Amino acid sequence: MEWRSAGLSWADSERPVLVWERGDVSPLVVGRRVGFRAVGRRECVGARGNPCPVGAAVPGRATQARCAECARLDRAHSVAADTIADDPRTYRVYLAWFGAGMVKVGITREERGPARLLEQGAVAFVWLGHGPLMAARRAEELLRVALGVPDRISYARKRAVRATLPGADERRLELERMHGFALALEGWPESLERVALGGHGVVDQGVADHGVVDHGEVFGVERLAGAGGFAVTELVDGGAVLGDLVAVAGPDVYLDDGGRLIVLDSRLLRGWRLDGARETARTTVPVREVPAVQGGLF
């Protein structure tokens, strides 16, 4: 039976699962043994649900398992690329926190709930408003400039601070402060409804929400405090990944491999055929050491 990864999913907002191309899922449970071996070569996963017409090879170090042509086709229908202006669905604007002073603004479809924030590895977040797509886009740009925050933060930077995060109270206070400043700004689109923090205070056309949401416990970041380790750089034919699950944050899977901490960006799995690795004692794919003195795993 052939197993091909379709990526890691946070669809249920509480428990991450590995999804397989044929529809099966494998829950990622802390303490459970995880092991697999890559077989053959890495192939393009196609675009928009369609297979790659040429079955192109994809570099092992690439986080996007698509050839150039399929990547272009996939992005041509992407909200993130600003190529869809008439989407009738409701969107939410948020602030996401990844580390002290590391906050970004973004948007996500309302029906997705917090899934997008979990996928990004946001340790905490807060909703700012909701409404039509283009209004959400205008608010995102307003906030990006006024707050001096980006709309993108690299995964490498997110990982770099994950082992040295301040506590949940500090995370909450930083987001609450920025939330208050954001909602007080002039120039919000009229069609976007701003979201108050837990109903505290009065905001024009505001709606009560639950305030700052913290994913520290869901991710298990306390188990990564002060840790160094080894980062998987790529999968290779015959190479194995093996270990007991320690934590999952965004796309990153942390494994204890005989006393050394291994972190695998699950996006590197897509495009590979994977088999069991029962005969393998340790992780054998290429890794690079990341010392704890850097203040994190990256």
Protein backbone atom coordinates (compact mmCIF):
# COMPACT_ATOMS: atom_id res chain seq x y z
CA MET A 1 0.00 0.00 0.00
CA GLU A 2 1.39 3.40 -1.00
CA TRP A 3 1.36 6.30 1.43
CA ARG A 4 1.82 9.85 0.14
CA SER A 5 1.59 12.81 2.49
CA ALA A 6 -0.93 15.59 1.80
CA GLY A 7 0.51 17.67 4.64
CA LEU A 8 -0.28 18.45 8.26
CA SER A 9 -3.75 19.72 9.17
CA TRP A 10 -5.12 21.67 12.13
CA ALA A 11 -8.70 21.51 10.85
CA ASP A 12 -10.24 20.53 14.20
CA SER A 13 -8.33 23.36 15.98
CA GLU A 14 -7.16 21.14 18.82
CA ARG A 15 -5.38 18.06 17.49
CA PRO A 16 -2.96 18.09 14.54
CA VAL A 17 -3.11 15.21 12.06
CA LEU A 18 -1.03 14.07 9.13
CA VAL A 19 -3.26 13.81 6.06
CA TRP A 20 -2.64 11.26 3.32
CA GLU A 21 -3.52 11.75 -0.34
CA ARG A 22 -6.14 9.01 -0.31
CA GLY A 23 -7.98 10.70 2.58
CA ASP A 24 -6.71 8.84 5.66
CA VAL A 25 -5.42 10.78 8.65
CA SER A 26 -2.85 9.94 11.34
CA PRO A 27 -3.36 11.84 14.64
CA LEU A 28 -0.19 13.31 16.10
CA VAL A 29 -0.28 12.42 19.79
CA VAL A 30 2.43 13.56 22.21
CA GLY A 31 4.51 10.60 23.40
CA ARG A 32 3.58 8.40 20.46
CA ARG A 33 6.34 6.92 18.28
CA VAL A 34 6.61 8.46 14.81
CA GLY A 35 8.67 6.77 12.12
CA PHE A 36 8.82 6.61 8.32
CA ARG A 37 11.24 6.22 5.43
CA ALA A 38 11.19 8.16 2.14
CA VAL A 39 11.14 6.06 -1.03
CA GLY A 40 11.98 6.96 -4.62
CA ARG A 41 12.00 10.60 -5.64
CA ARG A 42 9.97 13.62 -4.64
CA GLU A 43 7.32 14.54 -7.23
CA CYS A 44 5.20 17.64 -7.82
CA VAL A 45 1.78 17.40 -6.13
CA GLY A 46 0.03 19.38 -8.87
CA ALA A 47 -2.32 22.34 -8.51
CA ARG A 48 -5.95 22.97 -7.59
CA GLY A 49 -6.63 19.26 -7.07
CA ASN A 50 -5.17 18.25 -10.42
CA PRO A 51 -2.01 16.12 -10.78
CA CYS A 52 1.13 17.54 -12.33
CA PRO A 53 0.85 16.70 -16.06
CA VAL A 54 4.53 15.74 -16.30
CA GLY A 55 5.15 14.32 -12.82
CA ALA A 56 8.01 16.77 -12.38
CA ALA A 57 10.72 16.19 -9.79
CA VAL A 58 10.82 18.65 -6.86
CA PRO A 59 13.95 19.54 -4.82
CA GLY A 60 14.07 17.89 -1.42
CA ARG A 61 14.75 21.17 0.42
CA ALA A 62 11.76 23.02 -1.08
CA THR A 63 8.88 23.63 1.35
CA GLN A 64 6.42 23.85 -1.55
CA ALA A 65 6.15 20.52 -3.33
CA ARG A 66 5.22 22.00 -6.71
CA CYS A 67 7.08 22.55 -9.94
CA ALA A 68 7.24 26.12 -11.28
CA GLU A 69 4.24 25.71 -13.61
CA CYS A 70 1.95 24.10 -11.02
CA ALA A 71 2.99 26.71 -8.43
CA ARG A 72 2.00 29.44 -10.90
CA LEU A 73 -1.39 27.84 -11.54
CA ASP A 74 -2.06 27.34 -7.83
CA ARG A 75 -1.19 30.94 -6.96
CA ALA A 76 -3.32 32.28 -9.83
CA HIS A 77 -6.41 31.35 -7.78
CA SER A 78 -5.08 32.39 -4.39
CA VAL A 79 -6.64 34.97 -2.08
CA ALA A 80 -3.17 35.58 -0.66
CA ALA A 81 -1.97 36.68 -4.10
CA ASP A 82 -4.79 39.25 -4.45
CA THR A 83 -6.04 37.56 -7.61
CA ILE A 84 -9.64 37.13 -6.36
CA ALA A 85 -11.59 40.34 -5.81
CA ASP A 86 -15.20 39.12 -5.95
CA ASP A 87 -15.16 36.44 -3.24
CA PRO A 88 -18.56 36.75 -1.49
CA ARG A 89 -17.44 35.06 1.74
CA THR A 90 -16.81 36.85 5.04
CA TYR A 91 -13.21 37.36 6.14
CA ARG A 92 -11.68 38.08 9.53
CA VAL A 93 -8.73 40.37 10.27
CA TYR A 94 -6.38 39.30 13.04
CA LEU A 95 -3.16 40.07 14.89
CA ALA A 96 -0.94 37.02 15.40
CA TRP A 97 1.84 36.78 18.02
CA PHE A 98 4.93 34.60 17.49
CA GLY A 99 7.36 36.05 20.04
CA ALA A 100 8.13 39.24 21.96
CA GLY A 101 7.82 42.10 19.48
CA MET A 102 7.04 39.64 16.68
CA VAL A 103 3.45 40.33 15.60
CA LYS A 104 1.86 40.24 12.15
CA VAL A 105 -1.51 41.26 10.71
CA GLY A 106 -3.47 39.00 8.39
CA ILE A 107 -6.86 37.84 7.16
CA THR A 108 -8.61 34.47 6.99
CA ARG A 109 -12.02 33.18 5.91
CA GLU A 110 -14.46 33.38 8.80
CA GLU A 111 -15.63 29.77 8.46
CA ARG A 112 -12.06 28.54 8.98
CA GLY A 113 -12.01 29.85 12.54
CA PRO A 114 -8.53 29.65 14.11
CA ALA A 115 -7.22 26.98 11.70
CA ARG A 116 -5.12 29.47 9.72
CA LEU A 117 -3.50 30.76 12.92
CA LEU A 118 -2.64 27.24 14.05
CA GLU A 119 -1.19 26.44 10.62
CA GLN A 120 1.06 29.49 10.82
CA GLY A 121 2.31 28.58 14.28
CA ALA A 122 0.78 31.66 15.96
CA VAL A 123 1.39 31.19 19.69
CA ALA A 124 -1.40 33.71 20.41
CA PHE A 125 -3.80 35.83 18.38
CA VAL A 126 -6.71 38.23 18.60
CA TRP A 127 -9.51 39.08 16.16
CA LEU A 128 -9.81 42.68 15.02
CA GLY A 129 -12.75 42.73 12.60
CA HIS A 130 -14.75 40.89 9.98
CA GLY A 131 -16.46 41.72 6.71
CA PRO A 132 -16.06 41.51 2.90
CA LEU A 133 -12.74 40.45 1.40
CA MET A 134 -11.70 43.78 -0.09
CA ALA A 135 -12.61 45.67 3.10
CA ALA A 136 -10.53 43.17 5.07
CA ARG A 137 -7.65 43.74 2.66
CA ARG A 138 -7.86 47.52 3.11
CA ALA A 139 -7.93 47.14 6.90
CA GLU A 140 -4.94 44.80 6.74
CA GLU A 141 -2.91 47.43 4.88
CA LEU A 142 -4.06 50.21 7.23
CA LEU A 143 -2.96 48.20 10.26
CA ARG A 144 0.30 47.08 8.70
CA VAL A 145 1.38 50.69 8.18
CA ALA A 146 -0.08 52.18 11.38
CA LEU A 147 1.19 49.44 13.72
CA GLY A 148 4.47 48.97 11.91
CA VAL A 149 3.93 45.21 11.64
CA PRO A 150 4.42 42.92 8.62
CA ASP A 151 1.84 40.75 6.88
CA ARG A 152 4.36 37.90 6.68
CA ILE A 153 6.95 36.43 9.06
CA SER A 154 9.23 33.64 7.91
CA TYR A 155 8.97 30.23 9.55
CA ALA A 156 12.68 30.41 10.33
CA ARG A 157 12.13 33.52 12.47
CA LYS A 158 9.14 31.94 14.22
CA ARG A 159 11.16 28.87 15.12
CA ALA A 160 14.10 30.95 16.28
CA VAL A 161 12.21 32.25 19.31
CA ARG A 162 10.05 29.23 20.13
CA ALA A 163 12.39 27.91 22.84
CA THR A 164 12.63 31.28 24.65
CA LEU A 165 9.03 32.55 24.71
CA PRO A 166 7.72 34.77 27.53
CA GLY A 167 4.70 33.55 29.49
CA ALA A 168 1.06 33.62 28.48
CA ASP A 169 0.33 36.79 30.50
CA GLU A 170 3.00 38.74 28.65
CA ARG A 171 1.72 37.48 25.32
CA ARG A 172 -1.83 38.51 26.20
CA LEU A 173 -0.84 41.98 27.39
CA GLU A 174 1.11 42.74 24.23
CA LEU A 175 -1.79 41.73 22.01
CA GLU A 176 -4.37 43.57 24.13
CA ARG A 177 -2.30 46.76 23.92
CA MET A 178 -1.97 46.49 20.15
CA HIS A 179 -5.65 45.57 19.78
CA GLY A 180 -6.70 48.74 21.61
CA PHE A 181 -4.45 50.90 19.45
CA ALA A 182 -5.69 49.21 16.26
CA LEU A 183 -9.38 49.68 16.97
CA ALA A 184 -8.84 53.36 17.82
CA LEU A 185 -7.34 54.11 14.39
CA GLU A 186 -9.16 56.33 11.92
CA GLY A 187 -9.76 55.05 8.42
CA TRP A 188 -11.30 51.64 8.99
CA PRO A 189 -13.47 50.55 6.02
CA GLU A 190 -17.14 51.21 6.81
CA SER A 191 -18.18 47.73 5.69
CA LEU A 192 -15.81 46.03 8.15
CA GLU A 193 -17.22 45.32 11.61
CA ARG A 194 -14.63 45.77 14.32
CA VAL A 195 -14.36 43.20 17.12
CA ALA A 196 -14.18 44.24 20.77
CA LEU A 197 -12.14 42.31 23.33
CA GLY A 198 -14.52 40.10 25.27
CA GLY A 199 -17.13 42.84 25.24
CA HIS A 200 -14.97 45.19 27.32
CA GLY A 201 -15.30 48.80 26.27
CA VAL A 202 -17.46 50.21 23.50
CA VAL A 203 -16.47 50.07 19.86
CA ASP A 204 -18.57 51.56 17.07
CA GLN A 205 -20.43 48.66 15.45
CA GLY A 206 -18.31 46.33 17.61
CA VAL A 207 -19.23 42.77 18.56
CA ALA A 208 -18.13 40.92 21.67
CA ASP A 209 -15.50 38.22 21.20
CA HIS A 210 -13.45 36.00 23.48
CA GLY A 211 -10.32 38.12 23.59
CA VAL A 212 -6.78 36.84 23.14
CA VAL A 213 -6.53 33.16 22.22
CA ASP A 214 -3.34 31.39 23.33
CA HIS A 215 -2.01 28.25 21.62
CA GLY A 216 0.94 27.67 23.93
CA GLU A 217 -0.62 24.62 25.56
CA VAL A 218 -1.98 23.23 22.28
CA PHE A 219 1.47 23.49 20.68
CA GLY A 220 3.32 22.30 23.77
CA VAL A 221 5.83 25.18 23.67
CA GLU A 222 6.73 24.72 27.34
CA ARG A 223 8.32 21.36 26.41
CA LEU A 224 10.67 23.21 24.03
CA ALA A 225 11.95 25.77 26.55
CA GLY A 226 15.70 26.18 26.32
CA ALA A 227 16.10 23.33 23.84
CA GLY A 228 18.65 23.04 21.08
CA GLY A 229 18.45 20.21 18.59
CA PHE A 230 18.71 19.14 14.98
CA ALA A 231 16.66 20.41 12.05
CA VAL A 232 15.80 18.13 9.13
CA THR A 233 17.03 19.85 5.97
CA GLU A 234 15.50 17.46 3.44
CA LEU A 235 14.25 13.93 2.90
CA VAL A 236 16.22 11.59 0.65
CA ASP A 237 15.52 8.22 -0.92
CA GLY A 238 15.89 5.62 1.82
CA GLY A 239 16.31 8.24 4.56
CA ALA A 240 14.35 7.74 7.80
CA VAL A 241 12.82 10.04 10.40
CA LEU A 242 12.19 8.48 13.80
CA GLY A 243 11.33 9.63 17.32
CA ASP A 244 8.77 10.10 20.08
CA LEU A 245 6.49 13.09 19.51
CA VAL A 246 7.32 16.01 21.81
CA ALA A 247 5.35 18.91 20.33
CA VAL A 248 3.69 20.23 17.17
CA ALA A 249 3.64 23.96 16.38
CA GLY A 250 2.29 25.14 13.04
CA PRO A 251 3.83 22.81 10.43
CA ASP A 252 6.72 21.79 12.69
CA VAL A 253 6.88 18.35 14.28
CA TYR A 254 9.32 17.93 17.21
CA LEU A 255 10.62 14.43 17.95
CA ASP A 256 12.84 12.95 20.67
CA ASP A 257 15.23 10.67 18.78
CA GLY A 258 17.13 8.84 21.48
CA GLY A 259 17.79 11.94 23.54
CA ARG A 260 18.34 14.42 20.71
CA LEU A 261 15.56 16.75 19.61
CA ILE A 262 14.67 16.58 15.92
CA VAL A 263 12.39 19.15 14.28
CA LEU A 264 10.78 18.36 10.94
CA ASP A 265 8.95 20.94 8.84
CA SER A 266 6.06 18.73 7.69
CA ARG A 267 5.87 20.62 4.39
CA LEU A 268 9.00 18.68 3.39
CA LEU A 269 6.91 15.46 3.40
CA ARG A 270 4.64 16.33 0.49
CA GLY A 271 5.52 14.71 -2.81
CA TRP A 272 7.29 11.71 -1.22
CA ARG A 273 6.15 8.11 -0.98
CA LEU A 274 6.62 7.07 2.64
CA ASP A 275 7.07 3.59 4.11
CA GLY A 276 7.46 2.34 7.66
CA ALA A 277 10.89 2.54 9.32
CA ARG A 278 10.76 -0.29 11.85
CA GLU A 279 14.21 -1.57 10.92
CA THR A 280 15.81 1.84 11.51
CA ALA A 281 17.16 2.74 14.94
CA ARG A 282 17.55 6.51 14.44
CA THR A 283 16.85 9.39 12.08
CA THR A 284 19.09 9.09 9.02
CA VAL A 285 17.96 11.96 6.77
CA PRO A 286 20.25 15.03 6.53
CA VAL A 287 20.00 17.31 9.57
CA ARG A 288 21.84 20.36 10.82
CA GLU A 289 22.68 21.05 14.43
CA VAL A 290 21.05 24.06 16.07
CA PRO A 291 22.67 24.85 19.44
CA ALA A 292 20.57 26.02 22.36
CA VAL A 293 22.81 29.05 22.88
CA GLN A 294 21.13 30.64 19.85
CA GLY A 295 18.02 30.98 21.98
CA GLY A 296 15.96 28.49 20.03
CA LEU A 297 15.87 25.65 17.56
CA PHE A 298 16.60 27.91 14.57
